[in-house]
N, C-alpha and C. Protein backbone atom coordinates (compact mmCIF):
# COMPACT_ATOMS: atom_id res chain seq x y z
N MET A 1 0.84 -1.18 0.00
CA MET A 1 0.00 0.00 0.00
C MET A 1 0.89 1.24 0.00
N ALA A 2 0.35 2.33 -0.38
CA ALA A 2 1.09 3.59 -0.48
C ALA A 2 1.16 4.27 0.89
N GLU A 3 1.14 5.57 0.84
CA GLU A 3 1.16 6.34 2.09
C GLU A 3 -0.19 6.98 2.35
N CYS A 4 -0.36 7.48 3.56
CA CYS A 4 -1.61 8.11 3.97
C CYS A 4 -1.90 9.33 3.10
N PHE A 5 -3.12 9.47 2.69
CA PHE A 5 -3.53 10.61 1.87
C PHE A 5 -3.35 11.93 2.63
N PHE A 6 -3.61 11.90 3.92
CA PHE A 6 -3.58 13.11 4.74
C PHE A 6 -2.23 13.38 5.39
N HIS A 7 -1.43 12.34 5.63
CA HIS A 7 -0.13 12.48 6.30
C HIS A 7 0.98 11.94 5.41
N THR A 8 1.66 12.80 4.71
CA THR A 8 2.75 12.40 3.84
C THR A 8 3.84 11.71 4.66
N GLY A 9 4.28 10.58 4.16
CA GLY A 9 5.35 9.84 4.82
C GLY A 9 4.86 8.72 5.74
N ARG A 10 3.63 8.78 6.17
CA ARG A 10 3.07 7.70 7.00
C ARG A 10 2.53 6.59 6.11
N PRO A 11 2.82 5.36 6.44
CA PRO A 11 2.31 4.28 5.61
C PRO A 11 0.80 4.11 5.80
N ALA A 12 0.14 3.81 4.71
CA ALA A 12 -1.30 3.55 4.76
C ALA A 12 -1.52 2.12 5.25
N VAL A 13 -2.49 1.96 6.13
CA VAL A 13 -2.83 0.63 6.65
C VAL A 13 -4.19 0.17 6.12
N ALA A 14 -4.93 1.06 5.48
CA ALA A 14 -6.24 0.73 4.94
C ALA A 14 -6.58 1.70 3.83
N ARG A 15 -7.64 1.37 3.10
CA ARG A 15 -8.14 2.26 2.05
C ARG A 15 -9.60 2.58 2.35
N CYS A 16 -10.01 3.80 1.99
CA CYS A 16 -11.39 4.21 2.15
C CYS A 16 -12.27 3.35 1.24
N LYS A 17 -13.33 2.82 1.79
CA LYS A 17 -14.22 1.95 1.03
C LYS A 17 -14.96 2.69 -0.07
N GLN A 18 -15.12 4.00 0.07
CA GLN A 18 -15.85 4.80 -0.91
C GLN A 18 -14.92 5.36 -1.99
N CYS A 19 -13.87 6.04 -1.60
CA CYS A 19 -13.04 6.74 -2.58
C CYS A 19 -11.69 6.09 -2.84
N GLY A 20 -11.27 5.15 -1.98
CA GLY A 20 -10.03 4.43 -2.21
C GLY A 20 -8.77 5.10 -1.72
N ARG A 21 -8.88 6.20 -1.02
CA ARG A 21 -7.69 6.88 -0.49
C ARG A 21 -6.99 6.01 0.54
N GLY A 22 -5.65 6.05 0.50
CA GLY A 22 -4.87 5.35 1.51
C GLY A 22 -4.96 6.08 2.84
N LEU A 23 -5.07 5.33 3.95
CA LEU A 23 -5.25 5.95 5.26
C LEU A 23 -4.32 5.32 6.29
N CYS A 24 -3.74 6.17 7.15
CA CYS A 24 -2.97 5.65 8.27
C CYS A 24 -3.93 5.28 9.39
N SER A 25 -3.41 4.68 10.44
CA SER A 25 -4.28 4.22 11.53
C SER A 25 -4.96 5.39 12.25
N GLN A 26 -4.38 6.59 12.21
CA GLN A 26 -5.01 7.76 12.85
C GLN A 26 -6.15 8.34 12.04
N CYS A 27 -6.07 8.24 10.73
CA CYS A 27 -7.05 8.91 9.86
C CYS A 27 -8.27 8.06 9.55
N ARG A 28 -8.16 6.78 9.70
CA ARG A 28 -9.28 5.92 9.30
C ARG A 28 -10.47 6.07 10.24
N ILE A 29 -11.65 6.04 9.68
CA ILE A 29 -12.90 6.07 10.44
C ILE A 29 -13.55 4.70 10.24
N VAL A 30 -13.64 3.94 11.31
CA VAL A 30 -14.18 2.59 11.24
C VAL A 30 -15.66 2.61 11.60
N THR A 31 -16.49 2.08 10.70
CA THR A 31 -17.94 1.99 10.94
C THR A 31 -18.37 0.54 10.74
N GLU A 32 -19.64 0.27 10.96
CA GLU A 32 -20.16 -1.08 10.72
C GLU A 32 -20.08 -1.46 9.24
N GLN A 33 -20.10 -0.47 8.37
CA GLN A 33 -20.10 -0.73 6.93
C GLN A 33 -18.70 -0.78 6.34
N GLY A 34 -17.68 -0.42 7.10
CA GLY A 34 -16.31 -0.48 6.60
C GLY A 34 -15.47 0.67 7.11
N ILE A 35 -14.34 0.87 6.44
CA ILE A 35 -13.39 1.93 6.81
C ILE A 35 -13.50 3.05 5.79
N PHE A 36 -13.57 4.28 6.30
CA PHE A 36 -13.72 5.45 5.44
C PHE A 36 -12.73 6.54 5.84
N CYS A 37 -12.53 7.50 4.92
CA CYS A 37 -11.60 8.60 5.20
C CYS A 37 -12.31 9.79 5.83
N SER A 38 -13.63 9.86 5.68
CA SER A 38 -14.39 11.00 6.21
C SER A 38 -15.83 10.59 6.44
N ASP A 39 -16.52 11.43 7.20
CA ASP A 39 -17.95 11.19 7.40
C ASP A 39 -18.72 11.31 6.08
N LYS A 40 -18.24 12.21 5.22
CA LYS A 40 -18.90 12.39 3.92
C LYS A 40 -18.85 11.10 3.10
N CYS A 41 -17.69 10.45 3.06
CA CYS A 41 -17.57 9.18 2.32
C CYS A 41 -18.43 8.11 2.97
N ALA A 42 -18.49 8.07 4.28
CA ALA A 42 -19.31 7.08 4.98
C ALA A 42 -20.79 7.30 4.66
N GLN A 43 -21.23 8.56 4.64
CA GLN A 43 -22.62 8.87 4.33
C GLN A 43 -22.94 8.57 2.86
N THR A 44 -22.02 8.88 1.97
CA THR A 44 -22.22 8.60 0.55
C THR A 44 -22.37 7.10 0.33
N PHE A 45 -21.54 6.31 1.01
CA PHE A 45 -21.62 4.86 0.89
C PHE A 45 -22.94 4.34 1.46
N ALA A 46 -23.39 4.91 2.59
CA ALA A 46 -24.65 4.49 3.20
C ALA A 46 -25.82 4.77 2.25
N VAL A 47 -25.80 5.91 1.57
CA VAL A 47 -26.85 6.24 0.60
C VAL A 47 -26.80 5.24 -0.56
N PHE A 48 -25.60 4.92 -1.02
CA PHE A 48 -25.45 3.94 -2.10
C PHE A 48 -26.04 2.59 -1.70
N VAL A 49 -25.73 2.13 -0.49
CA VAL A 49 -26.24 0.83 -0.02
C VAL A 49 -27.76 0.86 0.06
N GLN A 50 -28.34 1.96 0.55
CA GLN A 50 -29.80 2.08 0.66
C GLN A 50 -30.45 2.06 -0.72
N ARG A 51 -29.88 2.80 -1.67
CA ARG A 51 -30.45 2.82 -3.03
C ARG A 51 -30.32 1.47 -3.70
N LEU A 52 -29.23 0.77 -3.47
CA LEU A 52 -29.05 -0.56 -4.02
C LEU A 52 -30.11 -1.51 -3.47
N LYS A 53 -30.35 -1.43 -2.18
CA LYS A 53 -31.37 -2.27 -1.55
C LYS A 53 -32.75 -1.98 -2.14
N GLU A 54 -33.08 -0.70 -2.31
CA GLU A 54 -34.38 -0.32 -2.89
C GLU A 54 -34.50 -0.82 -4.33
N ALA A 55 -33.42 -0.72 -5.10
CA ALA A 55 -33.45 -1.18 -6.49
C ALA A 55 -33.65 -2.70 -6.55
N GLU A 56 -32.99 -3.43 -5.65
CA GLU A 56 -33.16 -4.88 -5.62
C GLU A 56 -34.59 -5.26 -5.24
N GLU A 57 -35.19 -4.51 -4.31
CA GLU A 57 -36.58 -4.78 -3.92
C GLU A 57 -37.53 -4.51 -5.07
N ARG A 58 -37.31 -3.42 -5.81
CA ARG A 58 -38.15 -3.11 -6.98
C ARG A 58 -37.99 -4.19 -8.04
N GLN A 59 -36.77 -4.64 -8.24
CA GLN A 59 -36.51 -5.66 -9.24
C GLN A 59 -37.20 -6.97 -8.85
N ALA A 60 -37.14 -7.33 -7.57
CA ALA A 60 -37.80 -8.55 -7.10
C ALA A 60 -39.32 -8.43 -7.27
N ALA A 61 -39.87 -7.26 -6.98
CA ALA A 61 -41.32 -7.05 -7.15
C ALA A 61 -41.70 -7.15 -8.62
N GLY A 62 -40.85 -6.65 -9.49
CA GLY A 62 -41.10 -6.74 -10.93
C GLY A 62 -41.10 -8.17 -11.42
N ARG A 63 -40.20 -8.98 -10.87
CA ARG A 63 -40.17 -10.40 -11.26
C ARG A 63 -41.43 -11.11 -10.80
N ARG A 64 -41.93 -10.78 -9.61
CA ARG A 64 -43.16 -11.41 -9.13
C ARG A 64 -44.33 -11.06 -10.04
N SER A 65 -44.46 -9.80 -10.43
CA SER A 65 -45.58 -9.42 -11.29
C SER A 65 -45.42 -10.02 -12.67
N SER A 66 -44.22 -10.18 -13.17
CA SER A 66 -44.01 -10.79 -14.47
C SER A 66 -44.46 -12.24 -14.47
N ARG A 67 -44.18 -12.95 -13.39
CA ARG A 67 -44.62 -14.34 -13.30
C ARG A 67 -46.14 -14.42 -13.32
N TRP A 68 -46.79 -13.54 -12.62
CA TRP A 68 -48.25 -13.51 -12.59
C TRP A 68 -48.79 -13.26 -13.99
N GLU A 69 -48.20 -12.30 -14.68
CA GLU A 69 -48.64 -11.98 -16.03
C GLU A 69 -48.42 -13.16 -16.99
N GLN A 70 -47.33 -13.89 -16.79
CA GLN A 70 -47.08 -15.06 -17.64
C GLN A 70 -48.15 -16.13 -17.44
N TRP A 71 -48.54 -16.35 -16.20
CA TRP A 71 -49.58 -17.35 -15.93
C TRP A 71 -50.92 -16.94 -16.54
N VAL A 72 -51.25 -15.68 -16.46
CA VAL A 72 -52.49 -15.19 -17.07
C VAL A 72 -52.44 -15.41 -18.58
N PHE A 73 -51.31 -15.09 -19.18
CA PHE A 73 -51.15 -15.28 -20.63
C PHE A 73 -51.32 -16.76 -21.00
N VAL A 74 -50.71 -17.65 -20.25
CA VAL A 74 -50.82 -19.09 -20.53
C VAL A 74 -52.28 -19.54 -20.41
N LEU A 75 -52.99 -19.09 -19.39
CA LEU A 75 -54.39 -19.49 -19.21
C LEU A 75 -55.27 -18.98 -20.36
N ILE A 76 -55.04 -17.75 -20.78
CA ILE A 76 -55.80 -17.19 -21.91
C ILE A 76 -55.49 -17.98 -23.18
N LEU A 77 -54.23 -18.28 -23.40
CA LEU A 77 -53.83 -19.04 -24.57
C LEU A 77 -54.47 -20.43 -24.58
N LEU A 78 -54.49 -21.09 -23.43
CA LEU A 78 -55.15 -22.40 -23.34
C LEU A 78 -56.65 -22.30 -23.62
N ALA A 79 -57.27 -21.25 -23.13
CA ALA A 79 -58.70 -21.06 -23.37
C ALA A 79 -58.97 -20.87 -24.86
N VAL A 80 -58.13 -20.09 -25.53
CA VAL A 80 -58.30 -19.86 -26.97
C VAL A 80 -58.11 -21.17 -27.74
N VAL A 81 -57.07 -21.91 -27.40
CA VAL A 81 -56.81 -23.18 -28.07
C VAL A 81 -57.98 -24.13 -27.85
N PHE A 82 -58.46 -24.23 -26.63
CA PHE A 82 -59.60 -25.09 -26.32
C PHE A 82 -60.83 -24.70 -27.14
N PHE A 83 -61.09 -23.40 -27.23
CA PHE A 83 -62.23 -22.90 -28.01
C PHE A 83 -62.10 -23.27 -29.48
N LEU A 84 -60.90 -23.08 -30.05
CA LEU A 84 -60.68 -23.40 -31.46
C LEU A 84 -60.79 -24.89 -31.73
N VAL A 85 -60.24 -25.69 -30.86
CA VAL A 85 -60.34 -27.14 -31.02
C VAL A 85 -61.79 -27.57 -30.95
N LYS A 86 -62.53 -27.06 -30.01
CA LYS A 86 -63.93 -27.42 -29.84
C LYS A 86 -64.76 -26.99 -31.06
N LYS A 87 -64.45 -25.81 -31.60
CA LYS A 87 -65.23 -25.28 -32.72
C LYS A 87 -64.97 -26.07 -34.00
N PHE A 88 -63.73 -26.42 -34.29
CA PHE A 88 -63.39 -27.05 -35.55
C PHE A 88 -63.44 -28.58 -35.52
N PHE A 89 -63.37 -29.20 -34.37
CA PHE A 89 -63.33 -30.66 -34.34
C PHE A 89 -64.56 -31.29 -33.72
N PHE A 90 -65.44 -30.53 -33.15
CA PHE A 90 -66.64 -31.11 -32.51
C PHE A 90 -67.89 -30.51 -33.06
């Protein structure tokens, strides 16, 4: 690793999870979500995680509705086929 972004000459012991800056043991901010160089980077990362979670929830909800729509389409298709078979063969 390189040197601390804030203290020239000090070796970096970690990198900010958001921006990637090298950090010495004095400069690093340790949170539940990782190591950051500032509160701003920690907050930016928290917003990113929240938006990612919301996007995944929307995507999962979209998949559920798509499955429902597929079943409706299959049932309608079967009804049409049944009607045509009945009309032309019986």
